[in-house]
C-alpha atoms as a PDB file:
ATOM      1  CA  MET A   1      20.217 -12.274  -9.179  1.00  0.00           C
ATOM      2  CA  ALA A   2      22.791  -9.659 -10.035  1.00  0.00           C
ATOM      3  CA  LYS A   3      21.632  -9.702 -13.684  1.00  0.00           C
ATOM      4  CA  LEU A   4      18.083  -9.171 -12.608  1.00  0.00           C
ATOM      5  CA  SER A   5      19.034  -6.281 -10.298  1.00  0.00           C
ATOM      6  CA  CYS A   6      20.990  -4.636 -13.171  1.00  0.00           C
ATOM      7  CA  PHE A   7      17.988  -5.057 -15.535  1.00  0.00           C
ATOM      8  CA  TYR A   8      15.628  -3.340 -13.049  1.00  0.00           C
ATOM      9  CA  PHE A   9      18.197  -0.610 -12.453  1.00  0.00           C
ATOM     10  CA  PHE A  10      18.443   0.012 -16.227  1.00  0.00           C
ATOM     11  CA  ILE A  11      14.641   0.104 -16.565  1.00  0.00           C
ATOM     12  CA  LEU A  12      14.419   2.570 -13.684  1.00  0.00           C
ATOM     13  CA  MET A  13      17.139   4.841 -15.173  1.00  0.00           C
ATOM     14  CA  LEU A  14      15.372   4.611 -18.616  1.00  0.00           C
ATOM     15  CA  VAL A  15      12.029   5.650 -17.006  1.00  0.00           C
ATOM     16  CA  PHE A  16      13.496   8.537 -15.112  1.00  0.00           C
ATOM     17  CA  SER A  17      15.629   9.796 -18.053  1.00  0.00           C
ATOM     18  CA  VAL A  18      13.003   9.483 -20.809  1.00  0.00           C
ATOM     19  CA  VAL A  19       9.604  10.052 -19.195  1.00  0.00           C
ATOM     20  CA  PRO A  20      10.118  13.530 -17.649  1.00  0.00           C
ATOM     21  CA  LYS A  21      11.526  14.794 -20.918  1.00  0.00           C
ATOM     22  CA  ALA A  22       8.643  13.445 -22.996  1.00  0.00           C
ATOM     23  CA  LYS A  23       5.979  16.137 -23.450  1.00  0.00           C
ATOM     24  CA  GLY A  24       2.769  15.301 -21.633  1.00  0.00           C
ATOM     25  CA  PHE A  25       3.896  12.342 -19.579  1.00  0.00           C
ATOM     26  CA  CYS A  26       3.924  12.303 -15.847  1.00  0.00           C
ATOM     27  CA  TYR A  27       4.659   9.716 -13.165  1.00  0.00           C
ATOM     28  CA  GLU A  28       3.503   9.044  -9.601  1.00  0.00           C
ATOM     29  CA  THR A  29       4.636   6.535  -6.996  1.00  0.00           C
ATOM     30  CA  THR A  30       2.168   4.933  -4.750  1.00  0.00           C
ATOM     31  CA  ASP A  31       2.328   3.256  -1.322  1.00  0.00           C
ATOM     32  CA  PRO A  32       4.457   0.075  -1.565  1.00  0.00           C
ATOM     33  CA  LYS A  33       2.477  -1.766   1.137  1.00  0.00           C
ATOM     34  CA  ASP A  34      -0.700  -1.886  -0.889  1.00  0.00           C
ATOM     35  CA  HIS A  35       0.333  -2.314  -4.472  1.00  0.00           C
ATOM     36  CA  CYS A  36       3.408  -4.402  -4.818  1.00  0.00           C
ATOM     37  CA  ASN A  37       3.016  -7.560  -2.837  1.00  0.00           C
ATOM     38  CA  ASN A  38       3.703 -11.036  -4.165  1.00  0.00           C
ATOM     39  CA  ASP A  39       0.987 -10.758  -6.838  1.00  0.00           C
ATOM     40  CA  ASP A  40       3.360  -9.689  -9.588  1.00  0.00           C
ATOM     41  CA  GLY A  41       2.193  -6.017  -9.403  1.00  0.00           C
ATOM     42  CA  VAL A  42      -1.443  -6.677 -10.389  1.00  0.00           C
ATOM     43  CA  LYS A  43      -2.740  -4.155  -7.874  1.00  0.00           C
ATOM     44  CA  CYS A  44      -0.185  -1.617  -8.995  1.00  0.00           C
ATOM     45  CA  ARG A  45      -1.250  -1.951 -12.603  1.00  0.00           C
ATOM     46  CA  LEU A  46      -4.995  -1.912 -11.820  1.00  0.00           C
ATOM     47  CA  ASN A  47      -4.727   1.126  -9.501  1.00  0.00           C
ATOM     48  CA  CYS A  48      -2.696   3.039 -12.028  1.00  0.00           C
ATOM     49  CA  TYR A  49      -5.096   2.269 -14.798  1.00  0.00           C
ATOM     50  CA  GLU A  50      -8.164   3.153 -12.675  1.00  0.00           C
ATOM     51  CA  GLU A  51      -6.799   6.386 -11.136  1.00  0.00           C
ATOM     52  CA  TYR A  52      -4.655   7.767 -13.983  1.00  0.00           C
ATOM     53  CA  ASN A  53      -5.484   5.680 -17.083  1.00  0.00           C
ATOM     54  CA  GLY A  54      -1.718   4.861 -17.118  1.00  0.00           C
ATOM     55  CA  VAL A  55       0.657   1.966 -16.848  1.00  0.00           C
ATOM     56  CA  GLY A  56       2.036   0.812 -13.489  1.00  0.00           C
ATOM     57  CA  HIS A  57       5.125  -1.119 -12.710  1.00  0.00           C
ATOM     58  CA  CYS A  58       6.566  -2.323  -9.436  1.00  0.00           C
ATOM     59  CA  ILE A  59      10.241  -1.201  -8.966  1.00  0.00           C
ATOM     60  CA  LYS A  60      12.720  -1.523  -6.070  1.00  0.00           C
ATOM     61  CA  THR A  61      13.826   1.658  -4.321  1.00  0.00           C
ATOM     62  CA  LYS A  62      17.338   2.263  -3.059  1.00  0.00           C
ATOM     63  CA  LEU A  63      16.200   1.037   0.329  1.00  0.00           C
ATOM     64  CA  GLY A  64      15.282  -2.320  -1.244  1.00  0.00           C
ATOM     65  CA  ARG A  65      11.463  -1.893  -0.887  1.00  0.00           C
ATOM     66  CA  ASP A  66       8.992  -2.295  -3.728  1.00  0.00           C
ATOM     67  CA  THR A  67       7.028   0.625  -4.908  1.00  0.00           C
ATOM     68  CA  CYS A  68       4.529   1.248  -7.712  1.00  0.00           C
ATOM     69  CA  LEU A  69       5.580   3.624 -10.409  1.00  0.00           C
ATOM     70  CA  CYS A  70       2.593   4.828 -12.485  1.00  0.00           C
ATOM     71  CA  THR A  71       3.317   6.540 -15.847  1.00  0.00           C
ATOM     72  CA  TYR A  72       0.473   8.384 -17.549  1.00  0.00           C
ATOM     73  CA  ASN A  73      -0.429  11.126 -19.939  1.00  0.00           C
ATOM     74  CA  CYS A  74      -0.915  14.346 -18.067  1.00  0.00           C
ATOM     75  CA  GLU A  75      -1.964  16.674 -20.882  1.00  0.00           C
END
């Protein structure tokens, strides 16, 4: 379990360190109650694709809740 948490922490740090610096990429977080249930983030990915034409991933916040992080091209 600790390895999995470290992996998600690494991915989160990678997203926040690379994406804002990349020209033309933006990110949004959505309501965790709707998009990151036990369906492996399907609602998160679909919503992100439909609203932003982007890629969505469920991540854990510092409070331990799941939230949907949507990365998209904002140019």
